[in-house]
């Protein structure tokens, strides 16, 4: 694939990679392709960015912007997004995902009716507090950096919109949902709030983004198919 052309590249991000890892990998491959063609790339030609980060444990759609297309990032950042998430009930995590310290909270096993009732309460405009382990800036520093230092992080709540939340499967302790949300919605926070609504505690154990605005997974490339991964 020709990575020297400016434009948009859709990536199906694997778990374990940060969004920055993907950007760095593609920038390196873009630079290598320019050099292989006998071209010394300019700083502009080596511009690579993304239009909406994904947590390291998450998979799915990552929009990569090459060259002058990096100017279009705001166009995608403000779009609605859809996700499929697996929520683990009965335990809580310091980060709201599998990467934090996990503690058993409850052995209560909600019925499917109780789960459906709880999910329904999140439809529409809700107030949500983003996770302490997030890229939101507090006093000029990323919240997750402060949290990793053991500092108490207070992030203001915000209003977000849950356009759709549907139950795909429920086999205790895990329930799987599909949700269509406004920009700025944290699915990790949604999972935690669902656990609180059920009285069990919860964290997001798996997360996959399937669309950003009108852009879906169709045509998204796996990194292994795009380039050799060391």
C-alpha atoms as a PDB file:
ATOM      1  CA  UNK A   1       0.000   0.000   0.000  1.00  0.00           C
ATOM      2  CA  UNK A   2       1.270   3.450  -0.914  1.00  0.00           C
ATOM      3  CA  UNK A   3       1.661   5.404   2.325  1.00  0.00           C
ATOM      4  CA  UNK A   4       3.328   8.393   0.662  1.00  0.00           C
ATOM      5  CA  UNK A   5       0.011   9.860  -0.466  1.00  0.00           C
ATOM      6  CA  UNK A   6      -1.805  12.359   1.750  1.00  0.00           C
ATOM      7  CA  UNK A   7      -5.244  11.250   2.877  1.00  0.00           C
ATOM      8  CA  UNK A   8      -7.205   9.106   5.293  1.00  0.00           C
ATOM      9  CA  UNK A   9      -6.247   5.600   6.348  1.00  0.00           C
ATOM     10  CA  UNK A  10      -8.612   3.388   8.345  1.00  0.00           C
ATOM     11  CA  UNK A  11      -6.960   1.043  10.825  1.00  0.00           C
ATOM     12  CA  UNK A  12      -8.443  -1.798  12.872  1.00  0.00           C
ATOM     13  CA  UNK A  13      -6.360  -1.194  15.982  1.00  0.00           C
ATOM     14  CA  UNK A  14      -5.271  -4.310  17.865  1.00  0.00           C
ATOM     15  CA  UNK A  15      -5.408  -4.567  21.654  1.00  0.00           C
ATOM     16  CA  UNK A  16      -2.201  -3.642  23.450  1.00  0.00           C
ATOM     17  CA  UNK A  17      -1.289  -0.777  21.143  1.00  0.00           C
ATOM     18  CA  UNK A  18      -1.732   2.872  22.074  1.00  0.00           C
ATOM     19  CA  UNK A  19      -3.038   5.202  19.390  1.00  0.00           C
ATOM     20  CA  UNK A  20       0.389   6.883  19.461  1.00  0.00           C
ATOM     21  CA  UNK A  21       2.041   3.495  18.815  1.00  0.00           C
ATOM     22  CA  UNK A  22      -0.023   3.120  15.644  1.00  0.00           C
ATOM     23  CA  UNK A  23       0.749   6.664  14.502  1.00  0.00           C
ATOM     24  CA  UNK A  24       4.484   6.147  15.123  1.00  0.00           C
ATOM     25  CA  UNK A  25       4.489   2.831  13.261  1.00  0.00           C
ATOM     26  CA  UNK A  26       2.763   4.309  10.222  1.00  0.00           C
ATOM     27  CA  UNK A  27       4.972   7.412  10.264  1.00  0.00           C
ATOM     28  CA  UNK A  28       8.027   5.149  10.182  1.00  0.00           C
ATOM     29  CA  UNK A  29       6.613   3.127   7.287  1.00  0.00           C
ATOM     30  CA  UNK A  30       5.683   6.336   5.418  1.00  0.00           C
ATOM     31  CA  UNK A  31       9.227   7.658   5.854  1.00  0.00           C
ATOM     32  CA  UNK A  32      10.688   4.348   4.654  1.00  0.00           C
ATOM     33  CA  UNK A  33       8.521   4.397   1.526  1.00  0.00           C
ATOM     34  CA  UNK A  34       9.595   7.942   0.687  1.00  0.00           C
ATOM     35  CA  UNK A  35      13.259   6.989   1.058  1.00  0.00           C
ATOM     36  CA  UNK A  36      12.778   3.827  -0.999  1.00  0.00           C
ATOM     37  CA  UNK A  37      11.470   6.082  -3.770  1.00  0.00           C
ATOM     38  CA  UNK A  38      14.603   8.241  -3.517  1.00  0.00           C
ATOM     39  CA  UNK A  39      12.745  11.097  -1.794  1.00  0.00           C
ATOM     40  CA  UNK A  40      13.864  12.824   1.382  1.00  0.00           C
ATOM     41  CA  UNK A  41      10.538  13.621   3.060  1.00  0.00           C
ATOM     42  CA  UNK A  42       9.811  17.049   4.500  1.00  0.00           C
ATOM     43  CA  UNK A  43       8.307  17.574   7.955  1.00  0.00           C
ATOM     44  CA  UNK A  44       4.961  18.217   6.283  1.00  0.00           C
ATOM     45  CA  UNK A  45       5.165  14.960   4.385  1.00  0.00           C
ATOM     46  CA  UNK A  46       5.891  13.088   7.607  1.00  0.00           C
ATOM     47  CA  UNK A  47       2.840  14.458   9.403  1.00  0.00           C
ATOM     48  CA  UNK A  48       0.717  11.603  10.703  1.00  0.00           C
ATOM     49  CA  UNK A  49      -2.083  11.941  13.223  1.00  0.00           C
ATOM     50  CA  UNK A  50      -5.275  10.289  14.367  1.00  0.00           C
ATOM     51  CA  UNK A  51      -8.862  11.494  14.695  1.00  0.00           C
ATOM     52  CA  UNK A  52      -9.892  10.181  18.092  1.00  0.00           C
ATOM     53  CA  UNK A  53      -7.825   8.042  20.430  1.00  0.00           C
ATOM     54  CA  UNK A  54      -8.558   4.516  21.601  1.00  0.00           C
ATOM     55  CA  UNK A  55      -7.430   3.115  24.951  1.00  0.00           C
ATOM     56  CA  UNK A  56      -4.631   0.520  24.723  1.00  0.00           C
ATOM     57  CA  UNK A  57      -6.954  -2.360  25.690  1.00  0.00           C
ATOM     58  CA  UNK A  58      -9.537  -1.323  23.077  1.00  0.00           C
ATOM     59  CA  UNK A  59      -9.705  -2.453  19.462  1.00  0.00           C
ATOM     60  CA  UNK A  60     -11.435  -1.198  16.358  1.00  0.00           C
ATOM     61  CA  UNK A  61     -11.659   1.857  14.193  1.00  0.00           C
ATOM     62  CA  UNK A  62      -8.806   4.335  14.302  1.00  0.00           C
ATOM     63  CA  UNK A  63      -8.810   7.048  11.640  1.00  0.00           C
ATOM     64  CA  UNK A  64      -5.237   7.869  10.641  1.00  0.00           C
ATOM     65  CA  UNK A  65      -4.575  11.167   8.836  1.00  0.00           C
ATOM     66  CA  UNK A  66      -1.588  11.474   6.504  1.00  0.00           C
ATOM     67  CA  UNK A  67       0.118  14.719   5.473  1.00  0.00           C
ATOM     68  CA  UNK A  68      -2.248  17.624   4.837  1.00  0.00           C
ATOM     69  CA  UNK A  69      -5.194  15.472   5.915  1.00  0.00           C
ATOM     70  CA  UNK A  70      -4.107  16.062   9.528  1.00  0.00           C
ATOM     71  CA  UNK A  71      -5.909  19.411   9.214  1.00  0.00           C
ATOM     72  CA  UNK A  72      -9.196  17.478   9.173  1.00  0.00           C
ATOM     73  CA  UNK A  73      -8.891  16.016  12.682  1.00  0.00           C
ATOM     74  CA  UNK A  74     -11.561  18.272  14.243  1.00  0.00           C
ATOM     75  CA  UNK A  75     -13.986  17.149  11.552  1.00  0.00           C
ATOM     76  CA  UNK A  76     -13.945  13.625  12.988  1.00  0.00           C
ATOM     77  CA  UNK A  77     -13.332  14.324  16.681  1.00  0.00           C
ATOM     78  CA  UNK A  78     -16.770  15.882  17.113  1.00  0.00           C
ATOM     79  CA  UNK A  79     -18.650  13.009  15.455  1.00  0.00           C
ATOM     80  CA  UNK A  80     -20.845  10.460  17.220  1.00  0.00           C
ATOM     81  CA  UNK A  81     -19.293   7.031  17.739  1.00  0.00           C
ATOM     82  CA  UNK A  82     -20.507   3.461  18.101  1.00  0.00           C
ATOM     83  CA  UNK A  83     -18.942   0.793  20.287  1.00  0.00           C
ATOM     84  CA  UNK A  84     -19.397  -2.786  21.331  1.00  0.00           C
ATOM     85  CA  UNK A  85     -18.378  -3.291  24.937  1.00  0.00           C
ATOM     86  CA  UNK A  86     -18.138  -6.186  27.359  1.00  0.00           C
ATOM     87  CA  UNK A  87     -18.844  -5.186  30.949  1.00  0.00           C
ATOM     88  CA  UNK A  88     -17.672  -7.393  33.806  1.00  0.00           C
ATOM     89  CA  UNK A  89     -20.016  -7.271  36.788  1.00  0.00           C
ATOM     90  CA  UNK A  90     -19.109  -7.923  40.421  1.00  0.00           C
ATOM     91  CA  UNK A  91     -15.664  -6.302  40.366  1.00  0.00           C
ATOM     92  CA  UNK A  92     -14.249  -2.802  40.048  1.00  0.00           C
ATOM     93  CA  UNK A  93     -11.024  -1.538  38.520  1.00  0.00           C
ATOM     94  CA  UNK A  94      -8.990   1.533  39.449  1.00  0.00           C
ATOM     95  CA  UNK A  95      -8.886   2.461  35.761  1.00  0.00           C
ATOM     96  CA  UNK A  96     -12.312   1.176  34.722  1.00  0.00           C
ATOM     97  CA  UNK A  97     -10.683  -1.390  32.452  1.00  0.00           C
ATOM     98  CA  UNK A  98      -8.571  -4.608  32.701  1.00  0.00           C
ATOM     99  CA  UNK A  99      -5.335  -2.664  33.114  1.00  0.00           C
ATOM    100  CA  UNK A 100      -6.093  -1.363  36.606  1.00  0.00           C
ATOM    101  CA  UNK A 101      -6.094  -2.982  40.033  1.00  0.00           C
ATOM    102  CA  UNK A 102      -9.215  -5.144  40.175  1.00  0.00           C
ATOM    103  CA  UNK A 103     -11.177  -5.791  43.375  1.00  0.00           C
ATOM    104  CA  UNK A 104     -14.191  -8.031  43.919  1.00  0.00           C
ATOM    105  CA  UNK A 105     -17.147  -5.840  44.867  1.00  0.00           C
ATOM    106  CA  UNK A 106     -20.224  -8.083  44.986  1.00  0.00           C
ATOM    107  CA  UNK A 107     -21.418 -11.635  44.358  1.00  0.00           C
ATOM    108  CA  UNK A 108     -24.951 -10.537  43.521  1.00  0.00           C
ATOM    109  CA  UNK A 109     -26.109 -11.831  40.127  1.00  0.00           C
ATOM    110  CA  UNK A 110     -28.680  -9.481  38.575  1.00  0.00           C
ATOM    111  CA  UNK A 111     -31.421 -10.976  36.414  1.00  0.00           C
ATOM    112  CA  UNK A 112     -31.554 -10.162  32.720  1.00  0.00           C
ATOM    113  CA  UNK A 113     -34.668  -8.077  33.359  1.00  0.00           C
ATOM    114  CA  UNK A 114     -32.745  -6.077  35.962  1.00  0.00           C
ATOM    115  CA  UNK A 115     -29.908  -5.549  33.481  1.00  0.00           C
ATOM    116  CA  UNK A 116     -32.284  -4.364  30.752  1.00  0.00           C
ATOM    117  CA  UNK A 117     -34.010  -2.015  33.189  1.00  0.00           C
ATOM    118  CA  UNK A 118     -30.679  -0.542  34.291  1.00  0.00           C
ATOM    119  CA  UNK A 119     -29.455  -0.055  30.725  1.00  0.00           C
ATOM    120  CA  UNK A 120     -32.662   1.766  29.790  1.00  0.00           C
ATOM    121  CA  UNK A 121     -31.925   4.458  32.388  1.00  0.00           C
ATOM    122  CA  UNK A 122     -28.872   5.526  30.401  1.00  0.00           C
ATOM    123  CA  UNK A 123     -30.738   6.360  27.199  1.00  0.00           C
ATOM    124  CA  UNK A 124     -30.692  10.062  26.331  1.00  0.00           C
ATOM    125  CA  UNK A 125     -28.735  12.912  27.894  1.00  0.00           C
ATOM    126  CA  UNK A 126     -26.840  11.822  31.006  1.00  0.00           C
ATOM    127  CA  UNK A 127     -24.267  13.343  33.339  1.00  0.00           C
ATOM    128  CA  UNK A 128     -20.971  11.486  33.274  1.00  0.00           C
ATOM    129  CA  UNK A 129     -17.652  11.878  35.060  1.00  0.00           C
ATOM    130  CA  UNK A 130     -14.666  10.928  32.869  1.00  0.00           C
ATOM    131  CA  UNK A 131     -12.146   8.466  34.364  1.00  0.00           C
ATOM    132  CA  UNK A 132      -9.207   9.757  36.378  1.00  0.00           C
ATOM    133  CA  UNK A 133      -7.026   7.691  34.047  1.00  0.00           C
ATOM    134  CA  UNK A 134      -7.815   9.681  30.907  1.00  0.00           C
ATOM    135  CA  UNK A 135      -6.081  12.124  28.588  1.00  0.00           C
ATOM    136  CA  UNK A 136      -8.150  15.070  29.839  1.00  0.00           C
ATOM    137  CA  UNK A 137      -5.937  17.951  30.953  1.00  0.00           C
ATOM    138  CA  UNK A 138      -6.158  19.117  34.568  1.00  0.00           C
ATOM    139  CA  UNK A 139      -4.122  22.224  35.292  1.00  0.00           C
ATOM    140  CA  UNK A 140      -2.217  21.723  32.059  1.00  0.00           C
ATOM    141  CA  UNK A 141      -1.320  18.079  32.758  1.00  0.00           C
ATOM    142  CA  UNK A 142      -2.893  14.863  31.529  1.00  0.00           C
ATOM    143  CA  UNK A 143      -5.137  13.367  34.190  1.00  0.00           C
ATOM    144  CA  UNK A 144      -3.658   9.883  33.813  1.00  0.00           C
ATOM    145  CA  UNK A 145      -0.162  11.191  34.505  1.00  0.00           C
ATOM    146  CA  UNK A 146      -1.347  12.768  37.745  1.00  0.00           C
ATOM    147  CA  UNK A 147      -3.245   9.605  38.709  1.00  0.00           C
ATOM    148  CA  UNK A 148      -0.174   7.448  38.082  1.00  0.00           C
ATOM    149  CA  UNK A 149       1.763   9.657  40.529  1.00  0.00           C
ATOM    150  CA  UNK A 150      -0.842   8.873  43.159  1.00  0.00           C
ATOM    151  CA  UNK A 151      -2.322  12.364  43.096  1.00  0.00           C
ATOM    152  CA  UNK A 152      -6.047  12.785  43.605  1.00  0.00           C
ATOM    153  CA  UNK A 153      -7.678  13.795  40.338  1.00  0.00           C
ATOM    154  CA  UNK A 154     -10.983  15.631  40.249  1.00  0.00           C
ATOM    155  CA  UNK A 155     -12.501  15.836  36.789  1.00  0.00           C
ATOM    156  CA  UNK A 156     -15.659  17.904  36.280  1.00  0.00           C
ATOM    157  CA  UNK A 157     -18.757  15.988  35.210  1.00  0.00           C
ATOM    158  CA  UNK A 158     -20.173  16.635  31.756  1.00  0.00           C
ATOM    159  CA  UNK A 159     -23.340  16.000  29.839  1.00  0.00           C
ATOM    160  CA  UNK A 160     -23.172  13.428  27.055  1.00  0.00           C
ATOM    161  CA  UNK A 161     -25.834  11.765  24.947  1.00  0.00           C
ATOM    162  CA  UNK A 162     -26.442   8.031  24.698  1.00  0.00           C
ATOM    163  CA  UNK A 163     -28.421   7.720  21.470  1.00  0.00           C
ATOM    164  CA  UNK A 164     -28.696   3.948  21.732  1.00  0.00           C
ATOM    165  CA  UNK A 165     -27.735   1.279  24.241  1.00  0.00           C
ATOM    166  CA  UNK A 166     -28.771  -2.298  23.600  1.00  0.00           C
ATOM    167  CA  UNK A 167     -28.036  -5.610  25.274  1.00  0.00           C
ATOM    168  CA  UNK A 168     -26.333  -8.070  22.923  1.00  0.00           C
ATOM    169  CA  UNK A 169     -25.649 -10.857  25.413  1.00  0.00           C
ATOM    170  CA  UNK A 170     -25.726 -11.507  29.152  1.00  0.00           C
ATOM    171  CA  UNK A 171     -24.030 -14.437  30.819  1.00  0.00           C
ATOM    172  CA  UNK A 172     -23.053 -13.443  34.342  1.00  0.00           C
ATOM    173  CA  UNK A 173     -20.606 -11.939  35.143  1.00  0.00           C
ATOM    174  CA  UNK A 174     -20.330 -10.438  31.670  1.00  0.00           C
ATOM    175  CA  UNK A 175     -22.824  -8.452  29.671  1.00  0.00           C
ATOM    176  CA  UNK A 176     -22.188  -7.222  26.159  1.00  0.00           C
ATOM    177  CA  UNK A 177     -23.711  -4.031  24.813  1.00  0.00           C
ATOM    178  CA  UNK A 178     -23.767  -1.993  21.632  1.00  0.00           C
ATOM    179  CA  UNK A 179     -23.986   1.739  22.101  1.00  0.00           C
ATOM    180  CA  UNK A 180     -24.156   4.830  19.898  1.00  0.00           C
ATOM    181  CA  UNK A 181     -22.893   7.872  21.786  1.00  0.00           C
ATOM    182  CA  UNK A 182     -22.019  11.519  21.385  1.00  0.00           C
ATOM    183  CA  UNK A 183     -18.469  12.783  21.188  1.00  0.00           C
ATOM    184  CA  UNK A 184     -16.796  12.960  24.594  1.00  0.00           C
ATOM    185  CA  UNK A 185     -18.539   9.893  26.024  1.00  0.00           C
ATOM    186  CA  UNK A 186     -16.312   7.507  27.979  1.00  0.00           C
ATOM    187  CA  UNK A 187     -17.432   3.894  27.737  1.00  0.00           C
ATOM    188  CA  UNK A 188     -15.291   3.006  30.757  1.00  0.00           C
ATOM    189  CA  UNK A 189     -17.306   5.508  32.809  1.00  0.00           C
ATOM    190  CA  UNK A 190     -20.538   4.133  31.352  1.00  0.00           C
ATOM    191  CA  UNK A 191     -19.532   0.631  32.454  1.00  0.00           C
ATOM    192  CA  UNK A 192     -18.760   1.844  35.972  1.00  0.00           C
ATOM    193  CA  UNK A 193     -22.096   3.683  36.157  1.00  0.00           C
ATOM    194  CA  UNK A 194     -23.970   0.586  34.970  1.00  0.00           C
ATOM    195  CA  UNK A 195     -22.295  -1.400  37.747  1.00  0.00           C
ATOM    196  CA  UNK A 196     -23.378   1.196  40.290  1.00  0.00           C
ATOM    197  CA  UNK A 197     -26.951   1.141  38.947  1.00  0.00           C
ATOM    198  CA  UNK A 198     -27.021  -2.640  39.388  1.00  0.00           C
ATOM    199  CA  UNK A 199     -25.384  -2.480  42.811  1.00  0.00           C
ATOM    200  CA  UNK A 200     -22.647  -4.877  41.767  1.00  0.00           C
ATOM    201  CA  UNK A 201     -19.771  -2.728  40.633  1.00  0.00           C
ATOM    202  CA  UNK A 202     -18.350  -3.195  37.129  1.00  0.00           C
ATOM    203  CA  UNK A 203     -15.561  -2.385  34.728  1.00  0.00           C
ATOM    204  CA  UNK A 204     -15.176  -2.493  30.950  1.00  0.00           C
ATOM    205  CA  UNK A 205     -13.274  -5.676  30.109  1.00  0.00           C
ATOM    206  CA  UNK A 206     -13.378  -5.388  26.298  1.00  0.00           C
ATOM    207  CA  UNK A 207     -14.095  -2.473  23.992  1.00  0.00           C
ATOM    208  CA  UNK A 208     -14.347  -2.198  20.225  1.00  0.00           C
ATOM    209  CA  UNK A 209     -15.119   0.978  18.268  1.00  0.00           C
ATOM    210  CA  UNK A 210     -17.074   0.226  15.113  1.00  0.00           C
ATOM    211  CA  UNK A 211     -17.784   3.659  13.655  1.00  0.00           C
ATOM    212  CA  UNK A 212     -16.975   7.365  13.831  1.00  0.00           C
ATOM    213  CA  UNK A 213     -19.716   9.448  12.256  1.00  0.00           C
ATOM    214  CA  UNK A 214     -20.465   7.917   8.872  1.00  0.00           C
ATOM    215  CA  UNK A 215     -17.120   6.102   8.746  1.00  0.00           C
ATOM    216  CA  UNK A 216     -17.367   2.398   9.588  1.00  0.00           C
ATOM    217  CA  UNK A 217     -15.060  -0.590   9.635  1.00  0.00           C
ATOM    218  CA  UNK A 218     -15.451  -1.315   5.910  1.00  0.00           C
ATOM    219  CA  UNK A 219     -12.002  -1.030   4.362  1.00  0.00           C
ATOM    220  CA  UNK A 220     -10.180  -0.791   7.689  1.00  0.00           C
ATOM    221  CA  UNK A 221      -6.730  -2.383   7.496  1.00  0.00           C
ATOM    222  CA  UNK A 222      -5.083  -4.550  10.109  1.00  0.00           C
ATOM    223  CA  UNK A 223      -1.561  -3.446  10.937  1.00  0.00           C
ATOM    224  CA  UNK A 224      -0.199  -6.907  10.155  1.00  0.00           C
ATOM    225  CA  UNK A 225      -1.652  -6.634   6.667  1.00  0.00           C
ATOM    226  CA  UNK A 226      -0.259  -3.150   6.190  1.00  0.00           C
ATOM    227  CA  UNK A 227       3.304  -3.688   7.267  1.00  0.00           C
ATOM    228  CA  UNK A 228       5.582  -6.117   9.075  1.00  0.00           C
ATOM    229  CA  UNK A 229       5.354  -5.709  12.834  1.00  0.00           C
ATOM    230  CA  UNK A 230       8.509  -6.316  14.833  1.00  0.00           C
END
